[in-house]
Amino acid sequence: MICAPQSWPTEPSARTGGAARPRSSSATPDGHVTGEAAPSAAAVLPTDSADAHADVVIVGGGAMGTVFKARHKRLNRIVALKILKPSLARDKRYVERLRREARIVASLSHPHIVTGYDLGEEGGYHFFVMEFVEGKSLRQLLVEWGMFAEEYVLRVAREVAEALDHA
């Protein structure tokens, strides 16, 4: 059975226009949720997957759910685990949206698109396991750097365009 973490997102975030973010986590100056140790793997993962994941850390929250960074024991790799908010899991449209996202991601293979590994549901909780990409968001970099060099903007725009063209 999958259980909500003790700090399941319930407070609105100004950054996401009312979307929730974890109650007890801290946020960077740009409004992103910083990594925080989750209560335990068993508290945030389906039973079948709790034994398969370790070192679970909250890395972000948004309108649809919470994303965790975890080590997948059987694959021996770091993954991102997106869990749909319980309040949205009761709405078939949001469940289908998560499923559609997972199917689309799983059908693509491109250096600038994450790889999808698994999709599931247990105890009313819907989740998507995908590749975890280490790094900072563009927003975090903008806060840190103040502005981007033209070459950097062009490189990122080119990579995004290549990924979109592939999709």
Foldseek 3Di string as FASTA:
>chain_A
DEAAFPQFFDAAFVLQPGATKGPPFDADPLRFTCWDFTPFLRHGDDPVQSVQWGRWIWGGAHNFFTWIWIQGNVVRHIKIKTKGDLVCLVPVVSLVVVVVVLVVQCVDDDPLGWHWDDWDDDPSITMTIIHDDDDDDPSVVCVVVVDDDPVVVVVVVVSVVVVVVRD
